[in-house]
Structures are given as structure tokens and as C-alpha cells.
Amino acid sequence: MRLIVLLTGTSSDSHTWNLVYMQLLITELGHEVRNLGPCVPDEQMVRAAAGAPCDLIVMSTVNGHGLVDGERAVRRLRAEPALRDTPIVIGGKLGVAGTSRPEEVQSLLDAGFTAVFGDDEVDTALFGSYLDSVAARVSR
């Protein structure tokens, strides 16, 4: 199954190279990507995800504020009834200290993320396997 993936940066992250890389990777793995770009306000993210169907939301961040921005954004996304069951993942540099601590990852999962890919996990095969698992559960 070909997924429709909503790719987005977090509200405070102005980096674009990570989004370009992720778009290329997801496309090469056979899925469609709608890239919202960098510095996406939470409400814009919610409107985009709720306004056009997507199978997966991917947040990518490299500025070190993914923990704070991600928790806030995923709570807003999960508050939208249409997005309660949509898989949502975050990856990149999640904290300014670098490598993600287990309690930070758990905090993101508790906030509503389906999976967390920290900057210490740059395994594209693992991410590809995750996409395959989401695609296996999608029915349109």
C-alpha cells in the first residue's frame, strides 16, 4: 500500500535539508509526500492533517527543540478527532544535549507519538520497516 505521508518541521525549526532528505527517502520507498516545510505553527499542522487525508504524519527536527515543540504539537494533533488514530512519528535532534535520553523518548510517546526516532538512530532501514508496518495496516 502506498502511504500518503504528511511531512513537517516543528514550529521553531527553520532547517530545510532534513525535510528534503526525508522527502527523498520516503518517496524512494514508494510513498507520496506532502511537505509542509520548516517553521510550521501547530495550528497549521493540525489544519493540513485534518483537511486532507494522510496515513502518517512525520515530524523532523534538527534544532534541538523537538522535545518541547513535538510534545506540544502532538497533543494538538491528537485533540483533533480525525487524527486520534493517525500514526505520528518524530525524529531528529530532540534535545539540545544531543542523544535522546530514554525518559525523553517516553515523554514523547506518552504525549501521543506512535514512534520516536532520535538523532542517535539514523537507521534508514529501521524507518523503512516502520513505513512498511504502517502501510500493512492502512485500508482505503
C-alpha atoms as a PDB file:
ATOM      1  CA  MET A   1       0.000   0.000   0.000  1.00  0.00           C
ATOM      2  CA  ARG A   2       1.323   3.411  -0.958  1.00  0.00           C
ATOM      3  CA  LEU A   3       1.093   5.773   2.016  1.00  0.00           C
ATOM      4  CA  ILE A   4       0.179   9.434   1.941  1.00  0.00           C
ATOM      5  CA  VAL A   5       2.702  10.994   4.324  1.00  0.00           C
ATOM      6  CA  LEU A   6       2.430  14.492   5.764  1.00  0.00           C
ATOM      7  CA  LEU A   7       5.999  15.668   6.428  1.00  0.00           C
ATOM      8  CA  THR A   8       6.572  18.724   8.581  1.00  0.00           C
ATOM      9  CA  GLY A   9       9.136  20.640  10.537  1.00  0.00           C
ATOM     10  CA  THR A  10       8.363  21.867  14.036  1.00  0.00           C
ATOM     11  CA  SER A  11       7.289  25.410  14.831  1.00  0.00           C
ATOM     12  CA  SER A  12      10.743  26.668  15.850  1.00  0.00           C
ATOM     13  CA  ASP A  13      12.883  24.717  13.385  1.00  0.00           C
ATOM     14  CA  SER A  14      13.891  26.646  10.266  1.00  0.00           C
ATOM     15  CA  HIS A  15      16.088  23.900   8.810  1.00  0.00           C
ATOM     16  CA  THR A  16      15.116  22.513   5.418  1.00  0.00           C
ATOM     17  CA  TRP A  17      17.823  19.992   4.493  1.00  0.00           C
ATOM     18  CA  ASN A  18      16.352  17.395   6.849  1.00  0.00           C
ATOM     19  CA  LEU A  19      12.932  17.806   5.251  1.00  0.00           C
ATOM     20  CA  VAL A  20      14.370  17.473   1.743  1.00  0.00           C
ATOM     21  CA  TYR A  21      16.255  14.345   2.791  1.00  0.00           C
ATOM     22  CA  MET A  22      13.166  12.815   4.422  1.00  0.00           C
ATOM     23  CA  GLN A  23      11.008  13.626   1.401  1.00  0.00           C
ATOM     24  CA  LEU A  24      13.505  11.943  -0.914  1.00  0.00           C
ATOM     25  CA  LEU A  25      13.790   8.899   1.374  1.00  0.00           C
ATOM     26  CA  ILE A  26      10.029   8.456   1.774  1.00  0.00           C
ATOM     27  CA  THR A  27       9.471   8.937  -1.970  1.00  0.00           C
ATOM     28  CA  GLU A  28      12.218   6.425  -2.816  1.00  0.00           C
ATOM     29  CA  LEU A  29      10.462   3.953  -0.521  1.00  0.00           C
ATOM     30  CA  GLY A  30       7.380   4.305  -2.740  1.00  0.00           C
ATOM     31  CA  HIS A  31       5.165   6.679  -0.810  1.00  0.00           C
ATOM     32  CA  GLU A  32       3.562  10.040  -1.556  1.00  0.00           C
ATOM     33  CA  VAL A  33       4.798  13.043   0.462  1.00  0.00           C
ATOM     34  CA  ARG A  34       3.099  16.340   1.257  1.00  0.00           C
ATOM     35  CA  ASN A  35       5.877  18.518   2.678  1.00  0.00           C
ATOM     36  CA  LEU A  36       4.691  21.458   4.809  1.00  0.00           C
ATOM     37  CA  GLY A  37       8.240  22.792   5.182  1.00  0.00           C
ATOM     38  CA  PRO A  38      10.019  24.359   8.150  1.00  0.00           C
ATOM     39  CA  CYS A  39       8.670  26.532  10.993  1.00  0.00           C
ATOM     40  CA  VAL A  40       5.153  25.116  10.803  1.00  0.00           C
ATOM     41  CA  PRO A  41       2.855  26.521  13.503  1.00  0.00           C
ATOM     42  CA  ASP A  42       0.957  23.817  15.379  1.00  0.00           C
ATOM     43  CA  GLU A  43      -2.440  25.018  14.195  1.00  0.00           C
ATOM     44  CA  GLN A  44      -1.316  24.975  10.551  1.00  0.00           C
ATOM     45  CA  MET A  45      -0.102  21.411  11.060  1.00  0.00           C
ATOM     46  CA  VAL A  46      -3.497  20.419  12.501  1.00  0.00           C
ATOM     47  CA  ARG A  47      -5.405  22.107   9.651  1.00  0.00           C
ATOM     48  CA  ALA A  48      -3.237  20.434   6.997  1.00  0.00           C
ATOM     49  CA  ALA A  49      -3.524  16.981   8.578  1.00  0.00           C
ATOM     50  CA  ALA A  50      -7.252  17.184   9.255  1.00  0.00           C
ATOM     51  CA  GLY A  51      -8.075  18.927   5.976  1.00  0.00           C
ATOM     52  CA  ALA A  52      -6.600  16.364   3.610  1.00  0.00           C
ATOM     53  CA  PRO A  53      -6.383  12.696   4.470  1.00  0.00           C
ATOM     54  CA  CYS A  54      -2.965  11.292   5.329  1.00  0.00           C
ATOM     55  CA  ASP A  55      -1.870   7.881   6.536  1.00  0.00           C
ATOM     56  CA  LEU A  56       1.117   9.057   8.561  1.00  0.00           C
ATOM     57  CA  ILE A  57       2.484  12.308   9.964  1.00  0.00           C
ATOM     58  CA  VAL A  58       6.279  12.642  10.160  1.00  0.00           C
ATOM     59  CA  MET A  59       7.840  15.499  12.152  1.00  0.00           C
ATOM     60  CA  SER A  60      11.518  16.116  11.508  1.00  0.00           C
ATOM     61  CA  THR A  61      13.664  18.463  13.574  1.00  0.00           C
ATOM     62  CA  VAL A  62      17.343  19.266  13.910  1.00  0.00           C
ATOM     63  CA  ASN A  63      17.447  22.387  16.072  1.00  0.00           C
ATOM     64  CA  GLY A  64      17.328  20.562  19.410  1.00  0.00           C
ATOM     65  CA  HIS A  65      13.848  21.695  20.436  1.00  0.00           C
ATOM     66  CA  GLY A  66      11.956  18.621  19.228  1.00  0.00           C
ATOM     67  CA  LEU A  67      11.076  17.510  22.730  1.00  0.00           C
ATOM     68  CA  VAL A  68       9.295  20.752  23.625  1.00  0.00           C
ATOM     69  CA  ASP A  69       7.869  21.554  20.180  1.00  0.00           C
ATOM     70  CA  GLY A  70       6.962  17.930  19.466  1.00  0.00           C
ATOM     71  CA  GLU A  71       5.082  17.333  22.715  1.00  0.00           C
ATOM     72  CA  ARG A  72       3.015  20.462  22.235  1.00  0.00           C
ATOM     73  CA  ALA A  73       2.291  19.750  18.556  1.00  0.00           C
ATOM     74  CA  VAL A  74       1.324  16.101  19.015  1.00  0.00           C
ATOM     75  CA  ARG A  75      -1.080  16.990  21.835  1.00  0.00           C
ATOM     76  CA  ARG A  76      -2.804  19.451  19.490  1.00  0.00           C
ATOM     77  CA  LEU A  77      -2.894  16.904  16.686  1.00  0.00           C
ATOM     78  CA  ARG A  78      -4.349  14.238  18.994  1.00  0.00           C
ATOM     79  CA  ALA A  79      -7.012  16.680  20.196  1.00  0.00           C
ATOM     80  CA  GLU A  80      -8.436  16.676  16.660  1.00  0.00           C
ATOM     81  CA  PRO A  81     -10.939  13.782  16.452  1.00  0.00           C
ATOM     82  CA  ALA A  82      -9.987  12.935  12.855  1.00  0.00           C
ATOM     83  CA  LEU A  83      -6.326  12.472  13.885  1.00  0.00           C
ATOM     84  CA  ARG A  84      -6.683  10.436  17.069  1.00  0.00           C
ATOM     85  CA  ASP A  85      -5.706   7.185  15.329  1.00  0.00           C
ATOM     86  CA  THR A  86      -3.306   8.546  12.717  1.00  0.00           C
ATOM     87  CA  PRO A  87       0.260   7.328  13.281  1.00  0.00           C
ATOM     88  CA  ILE A  88       2.516  10.272  14.163  1.00  0.00           C
ATOM     89  CA  VAL A  89       6.290   9.998  14.454  1.00  0.00           C
ATOM     90  CA  ILE A  90       9.079  12.411  15.286  1.00  0.00           C
ATOM     91  CA  GLY A  91      12.751  12.159  14.521  1.00  0.00           C
ATOM     92  CA  GLY A  92      15.956  14.126  14.575  1.00  0.00           C
ATOM     93  CA  LYS A  93      17.738  16.080  17.267  1.00  0.00           C
ATOM     94  CA  LEU A  94      15.138  16.114  20.002  1.00  0.00           C
ATOM     95  CA  GLY A  95      17.105  17.886  22.737  1.00  0.00           C
ATOM     96  CA  VAL A  96      19.929  20.408  22.906  1.00  0.00           C
ATOM     97  CA  ALA A  97      22.115  17.894  24.766  1.00  0.00           C
ATOM     98  CA  GLY A  98      22.257  15.590  21.753  1.00  0.00           C
ATOM     99  CA  THR A  99      21.478  11.892  22.203  1.00  0.00           C
ATOM    100  CA  SER A 100      17.918  11.326  23.373  1.00  0.00           C
ATOM    101  CA  ARG A 101      17.541  10.042  26.909  1.00  0.00           C
ATOM    102  CA  PRO A 102      15.042   7.190  27.481  1.00  0.00           C
ATOM    103  CA  GLU A 103      12.825   9.406  29.663  1.00  0.00           C
ATOM    104  CA  GLU A 104      12.612  11.993  26.869  1.00  0.00           C
ATOM    105  CA  VAL A 105      11.581   9.345  24.358  1.00  0.00           C
ATOM    106  CA  GLN A 106       8.980   8.031  26.796  1.00  0.00           C
ATOM    107  CA  SER A 107       7.664  11.556  27.365  1.00  0.00           C
ATOM    108  CA  LEU A 108       7.120  11.948  23.612  1.00  0.00           C
ATOM    109  CA  LEU A 109       5.384   8.581  23.391  1.00  0.00           C
ATOM    110  CA  ASP A 110       3.187   9.471  26.378  1.00  0.00           C
ATOM    111  CA  ALA A 111       2.251  12.758  24.691  1.00  0.00           C
ATOM    112  CA  GLY A 112       0.882  10.868  21.681  1.00  0.00           C
ATOM    113  CA  PHE A 113       3.653   9.940  19.254  1.00  0.00           C
ATOM    114  CA  THR A 114       3.458   6.454  17.795  1.00  0.00           C
ATOM    115  CA  ALA A 115       7.232   6.188  17.385  1.00  0.00           C
ATOM    116  CA  VAL A 116      10.320   8.281  18.116  1.00  0.00           C
ATOM    117  CA  PHE A 117      13.484   8.214  16.015  1.00  0.00           C
ATOM    118  CA  GLY A 118      16.190  10.151  17.861  1.00  0.00           C
ATOM    119  CA  ASP A 119      19.326  11.540  16.286  1.00  0.00           C
ATOM    120  CA  ASP A 120      21.202   8.504  17.540  1.00  0.00           C
ATOM    121  CA  GLU A 121      19.015   6.277  15.347  1.00  0.00           C
ATOM    122  CA  VAL A 122      19.796   7.242  11.769  1.00  0.00           C
ATOM    123  CA  ASP A 123      18.938   3.775  10.525  1.00  0.00           C
ATOM    124  CA  THR A 124      17.019   4.264   7.275  1.00  0.00           C
ATOM    125  CA  ALA A 125      16.230   0.535   7.113  1.00  0.00           C
ATOM    126  CA  LEU A 126      14.514   0.770  10.510  1.00  0.00           C
ATOM    127  CA  PHE A 127      12.465   3.744   9.313  1.00  0.00           C
ATOM    128  CA  GLY A 128      11.625   1.905   6.084  1.00  0.00           C
ATOM    129  CA  SER A 129      10.433  -1.083   8.113  1.00  0.00           C
ATOM    130  CA  TYR A 130       8.263   1.237  10.174  1.00  0.00           C
ATOM    131  CA  LEU A 131       6.695   2.633   6.986  1.00  0.00           C
ATOM    132  CA  ASP A 132       6.043  -0.928   5.796  1.00  0.00           C
ATOM    133  CA  SER A 133       4.287  -1.746   9.079  1.00  0.00           C
ATOM    134  CA  VAL A 134       2.065   1.337   8.772  1.00  0.00           C
ATOM    135  CA  ALA A 135       1.289   0.505   5.124  1.00  0.00           C
ATOM    136  CA  ALA A 136       0.273  -3.029   6.104  1.00  0.00           C
ATOM    137  CA  ARG A 137      -2.385  -1.606   8.456  1.00  0.00           C
ATOM    138  CA  VAL A 138      -3.817   1.030   6.092  1.00  0.00           C
ATOM    139  CA  SER A 139      -7.091   0.329   4.366  1.00  0.00           C
ATOM    140  CA  ARG A 140      -8.525   2.850   1.965  1.00  0.00           C
END
